[in-house]
Amino acid sequence: MTSMLTTPAGRRIAYHKTEGAGPCVVFLGGLKSDMEGTKAVHLEAWCKARGQAFLRFDYSGHGESSGRFEDGCIGDWHEDTVAAVSALISGPMVVVGSSMGGWQALLLAKAMPERIAGMVTIAAAPDFTEDSYWAGFDDAQKATLEQDGFVELASDYMEPYHISKRMIEDGRARLVLRAPLTLDFPVWFLQGTEDTAVKGTTAIRLIEHADGPDMQLLLVKGKDHRFSDATCLKLIENKVEAVLDAPKVS
């Protein structure tokens, strides 16, 4: 059954929490995705089978949570993430971030590094509002954004994205690839070579930019942005387990 949490900002966040041994595995979904996605539900079942604590939730404007997607931004969803893990989890956590959730995982690591025991990202999309959206806008789209406050962008995976001026401007305050990024815990970055939404160059840029004692990047031939077939799900399991079992970094 879905539970609800009211954040300090007054947003209602829907979540599912599984009790178990720590560190708690926290799944952070992608843009316009929700906690009922294949990867989130599969990882929950895997954690239950091994007695591992697990948390999945919907950002505001996503899934069963309050608000409209069109009104949200990276900062709002970061606040939702901080509120959820602060209220619902005590102790260390292993964060699994998919696409935009990878950016959220990195923001969470900057906000509370002492709580992160490890991280796995899947097609992480840090800074995409600036490096993908804004950088890809032509003059007409920029003019539309300024005049109307939003533009519509086609997606290979779902209906068009409604991208607001607020999302672009807020994203600039949340960039993680322009300043030092220290990840003092075991990290696996997973990336499909056939991903058309997040290019492999983003994954390489991320691992080259970040600083940490135990970071690895796995490029998987032929896999796309969904990264949710049986092979990919098994890889996610394996890398989450590797992070959970990794010796603590001194």
Protein backbone atom coordinates (compact mmCIF):
# COMPACT_ATOMS: atom_id res chain seq x y z
CA MET A 1 0.00 0.00 0.00
CA THR A 2 1.24 3.48 -0.87
CA SER A 3 2.11 5.74 2.06
CA MET A 4 2.25 9.54 1.99
CA LEU A 5 4.73 12.01 3.44
CA THR A 6 4.19 15.77 3.70
CA THR A 7 7.47 17.61 3.12
CA PRO A 8 8.56 20.84 4.84
CA ALA A 9 7.60 22.60 1.58
CA GLY A 10 4.05 21.24 1.91
CA ARG A 11 4.27 18.76 -0.97
CA ARG A 12 2.69 15.32 -0.59
CA ILE A 13 5.14 12.57 -1.53
CA ALA A 14 3.94 9.01 -2.25
CA TYR A 15 6.30 6.23 -1.23
CA HIS A 16 6.82 2.53 -0.56
CA LYS A 17 9.26 1.54 2.16
CA THR A 18 10.53 -1.96 2.89
CA GLU A 19 12.02 -2.61 6.32
CA GLY A 20 15.21 -4.64 6.52
CA ALA A 21 18.92 -4.54 7.11
CA GLY A 22 20.90 -1.43 6.28
CA PRO A 23 22.21 0.34 4.42
CA CYS A 24 18.83 1.18 2.94
CA VAL A 25 18.75 1.06 -0.87
CA VAL A 26 17.02 4.20 -2.22
CA PHE A 27 15.78 4.31 -5.82
CA LEU A 28 15.64 7.72 -7.51
CA GLY A 29 13.67 7.67 -10.74
CA GLY A 30 14.00 9.62 -13.93
CA LEU A 31 12.23 12.63 -15.38
CA LYS A 32 8.48 11.94 -15.73
CA SER A 33 9.05 8.40 -14.47
CA ASP A 34 7.48 7.02 -11.30
CA MET A 35 8.09 4.49 -8.57
CA GLU A 36 6.10 1.81 -10.43
CA GLY A 37 8.77 1.58 -13.14
CA THR A 38 10.39 -1.74 -13.98
CA LYS A 39 13.76 -1.00 -12.36
CA ALA A 40 12.27 0.35 -9.12
CA VAL A 41 9.85 -2.54 -8.61
CA HIS A 42 12.45 -5.15 -9.59
CA LEU A 43 15.01 -3.73 -7.18
CA GLU A 44 12.42 -3.65 -4.41
CA ALA A 45 11.69 -7.36 -4.90
CA TRP A 46 15.42 -8.12 -4.93
CA CYS A 47 15.92 -6.23 -1.67
CA LYS A 48 12.97 -7.96 -0.02
CA ALA A 49 14.39 -11.35 -0.99
CA ARG A 50 17.69 -10.57 0.74
CA GLY A 51 16.18 -8.76 3.72
CA GLN A 52 17.54 -5.38 2.66
CA ALA A 53 15.82 -2.11 3.53
CA PHE A 54 14.48 -0.30 0.45
CA LEU A 55 12.74 2.96 -0.40
CA ARG A 56 11.10 4.12 -3.62
CA PHE A 57 9.02 7.28 -4.00
CA ASP A 58 7.52 9.71 -6.48
CA TYR A 59 8.86 13.24 -6.77
CA SER A 60 6.20 15.95 -6.68
CA GLY A 61 4.44 16.20 -10.03
CA HIS A 62 5.22 12.52 -10.69
CA GLY A 63 3.17 9.37 -10.14
CA GLU A 64 0.95 9.49 -7.06
CA SER A 65 2.56 12.54 -5.45
CA SER A 66 0.96 15.98 -5.36
CA GLY A 67 1.54 18.76 -7.86
CA ARG A 68 1.92 19.06 -11.61
CA PHE A 69 5.04 18.04 -13.49
CA GLU A 70 4.96 21.30 -15.45
CA ASP A 71 5.38 23.32 -12.26
CA GLY A 72 8.39 21.39 -10.93
CA CYS A 73 12.13 21.69 -11.33
CA ILE A 74 15.37 19.97 -10.34
CA GLY A 75 15.52 21.88 -7.06
CA ASP A 76 11.99 20.91 -6.05
CA TRP A 77 12.75 17.24 -6.68
CA HIS A 78 16.02 17.54 -4.77
CA GLU A 79 14.06 18.97 -1.83
CA ASP A 80 11.61 16.07 -2.12
CA THR A 81 14.51 13.59 -2.06
CA VAL A 82 16.16 15.17 0.97
CA ALA A 83 12.81 15.29 2.78
CA ALA A 84 12.05 11.64 2.01
CA VAL A 85 15.38 10.20 3.11
CA SER A 86 15.53 12.48 6.16
CA ALA A 87 12.06 11.52 7.39
CA LEU A 88 11.90 7.87 6.35
CA ILE A 89 15.43 6.49 6.74
CA SER A 90 17.94 6.56 9.56
CA GLY A 91 21.54 5.60 9.00
CA PRO A 92 23.48 5.01 5.81
CA MET A 93 21.99 4.43 2.37
CA VAL A 94 22.99 3.16 -1.05
CA VAL A 95 21.50 5.40 -3.71
CA VAL A 96 20.45 4.05 -7.11
CA GLY A 97 19.70 6.86 -9.57
CA SER A 98 18.25 6.41 -13.06
CA SER A 99 18.63 9.17 -15.69
CA MET A 100 17.56 12.40 -13.97
CA GLY A 101 17.67 10.34 -10.78
CA GLY A 102 21.42 10.06 -11.35
CA TRP A 103 21.66 13.85 -11.12
CA GLN A 104 19.48 13.69 -8.01
CA ALA A 105 21.80 11.06 -6.52
CA LEU A 106 24.79 13.35 -7.04
CA LEU A 107 22.94 16.30 -5.52
CA LEU A 108 22.03 14.13 -2.53
CA ALA A 109 25.68 13.13 -2.13
CA LYS A 110 26.65 16.79 -2.05
CA ALA A 111 23.89 17.61 0.45
CA MET A 112 24.51 14.76 2.90
CA PRO A 113 27.76 12.95 2.06
CA GLU A 114 27.96 11.42 5.52
CA ARG A 115 24.80 9.38 4.82
CA ILE A 116 25.87 7.83 1.52
CA ALA A 117 27.44 4.36 1.72
CA GLY A 118 27.50 3.78 -2.03
CA MET A 119 25.95 4.73 -5.36
CA VAL A 120 24.86 3.10 -8.60
CA THR A 121 23.68 5.26 -11.49
CA ILE A 122 21.92 4.11 -14.65
CA ALA A 123 22.30 6.45 -17.64
CA ALA A 124 22.92 9.32 -15.24
CA ALA A 125 21.94 12.70 -16.70
CA PRO A 126 23.68 15.38 -14.63
CA ASP A 127 23.24 18.98 -15.82
CA PHE A 128 20.93 17.93 -18.67
CA THR A 129 18.78 21.07 -18.43
CA GLU A 130 21.83 23.11 -19.44
CA ASP A 131 23.91 20.74 -21.56
CA SER A 132 21.08 19.00 -23.42
CA TYR A 133 17.99 21.21 -23.29
CA TRP A 134 19.35 24.77 -23.27
CA ALA A 135 22.36 23.94 -25.44
CA GLY A 136 20.05 22.33 -27.98
CA PHE A 137 17.48 25.11 -28.19
CA ASP A 138 17.49 27.19 -31.33
CA ASP A 139 16.76 30.92 -31.29
CA ALA A 140 13.05 30.35 -31.87
CA GLN A 141 12.79 27.95 -28.93
CA LYS A 142 14.66 30.34 -26.67
CA ALA A 143 12.30 33.11 -27.71
CA THR A 144 9.28 30.89 -27.04
CA LEU A 145 10.67 29.98 -23.61
CA GLU A 146 11.10 33.66 -22.77
CA GLN A 147 7.68 34.67 -24.12
CA ASP A 148 5.50 31.72 -23.06
CA GLY A 149 7.49 30.39 -20.13
CA PHE A 150 7.79 26.91 -21.61
CA VAL A 151 8.62 24.85 -24.70
CA GLU A 152 7.54 21.36 -25.75
CA LEU A 153 10.26 18.82 -26.53
CA ALA A 154 9.71 15.49 -28.24
CA SER A 155 10.80 12.33 -26.43
CA ASP A 156 11.87 8.98 -27.85
CA TYR A 157 10.32 7.23 -24.84
CA MET A 158 7.04 8.98 -23.95
CA GLU A 159 4.81 11.96 -24.74
CA PRO A 160 6.52 15.35 -25.28
CA TYR A 161 8.20 17.03 -22.34
CA HIS A 162 6.83 20.38 -21.17
CA ILE A 163 10.03 22.27 -20.29
CA SER A 164 9.55 25.45 -18.28
CA LYS A 165 11.73 28.52 -18.02
CA ARG A 166 11.82 27.84 -14.27
CA MET A 167 13.27 24.36 -14.85
CA ILE A 168 16.05 25.78 -17.01
CA GLU A 169 16.89 28.61 -14.61
CA ASP A 170 16.71 26.42 -11.50
CA GLY A 171 18.86 23.78 -13.19
CA ARG A 172 21.67 26.32 -13.49
CA ALA A 173 21.77 26.56 -9.71
CA ARG A 174 22.07 22.75 -9.39
CA LEU A 175 24.84 21.96 -11.87
CA VAL A 176 27.33 19.33 -10.61
CA LEU A 177 29.82 19.13 -13.47
CA ARG A 178 31.12 22.71 -13.11
CA ALA A 179 32.53 22.46 -9.59
CA PRO A 180 34.44 19.83 -7.61
CA LEU A 181 32.41 16.65 -7.11
CA THR A 182 33.75 14.27 -4.48
CA LEU A 183 32.26 10.80 -4.09
CA ASP A 184 34.00 9.18 -1.11
CA PHE A 185 32.24 5.80 -1.41
CA PRO A 186 31.99 2.94 -3.92
CA VAL A 187 30.32 4.04 -7.18
CA TRP A 188 29.23 2.21 -10.33
CA PHE A 189 28.08 4.20 -13.37
CA LEU A 190 26.06 2.03 -15.82
CA GLN A 191 25.44 3.20 -19.40
CA GLY A 192 24.01 1.64 -22.56
CA THR A 193 25.82 2.34 -25.82
CA GLU A 194 22.54 2.67 -27.77
CA ASP A 195 21.08 5.27 -25.41
CA THR A 196 19.70 8.15 -27.50
CA ALA A 197 18.50 10.22 -24.52
CA VAL A 198 21.80 10.28 -22.59
CA LYS A 199 24.93 9.76 -24.64
CA GLY A 200 27.86 7.69 -23.46
CA THR A 201 29.98 10.84 -23.57
CA THR A 202 27.99 12.09 -20.56
CA ALA A 203 28.98 9.03 -18.54
CA ILE A 204 32.63 9.47 -19.50
CA ARG A 205 32.51 13.16 -18.65
CA LEU A 206 31.00 12.32 -15.26
CA ILE A 207 33.60 9.73 -14.25
CA GLU A 208 36.44 11.95 -15.47
CA HIS A 209 35.07 14.94 -13.54
CA ALA A 210 34.20 13.26 -10.23
CA ASP A 211 36.84 12.51 -7.63
CA GLY A 212 36.71 9.40 -5.48
CA PRO A 213 38.65 6.32 -4.42
CA ASP A 214 36.36 3.65 -5.93
CA MET A 215 34.55 4.65 -9.14
CA GLN A 216 33.87 2.41 -12.12
CA LEU A 217 32.01 2.87 -15.40
CA LEU A 218 30.38 -0.02 -17.25
CA LEU A 219 29.36 0.56 -20.88
CA VAL A 220 26.89 -2.10 -22.02
CA LYS A 221 26.86 -2.77 -25.75
CA GLY A 222 23.50 -2.48 -27.48
CA LYS A 223 21.41 -1.31 -24.50
CA ASP A 224 19.22 1.80 -24.67
CA HIS A 225 18.00 4.35 -22.15
CA ARG A 226 15.40 2.06 -20.62
CA PHE A 227 18.13 -0.31 -19.40
CA SER A 228 15.42 -2.62 -18.08
CA ASP A 229 15.59 -5.94 -19.91
CA ALA A 230 16.57 -9.10 -18.00
CA THR A 231 20.27 -8.64 -18.66
CA CYS A 232 20.24 -5.02 -17.49
CA LEU A 233 18.19 -5.78 -14.38
CA LYS A 234 20.68 -8.49 -13.41
CA LEU A 235 23.54 -6.05 -13.92
CA ILE A 236 21.84 -3.52 -11.66
CA GLU A 237 21.40 -6.20 -8.98
CA ASN A 238 25.05 -7.20 -9.26
CA LYS A 239 26.38 -3.67 -8.98
CA VAL A 240 24.11 -2.76 -6.06
CA GLU A 241 25.29 -5.91 -4.33
CA ALA A 242 28.92 -5.05 -5.11
CA VAL A 243 28.48 -1.61 -3.56
CA LEU A 244 26.70 -3.05 -0.51
CA ASP A 245 29.50 -5.60 -0.01
CA ALA A 246 32.40 -3.26 -0.76
CA PRO A 247 34.82 -2.60 2.09
CA LYS A 248 34.38 0.81 3.65
CA VAL A 249 36.65 3.45 2.16
CA SER A 250 39.01 4.84 4.76
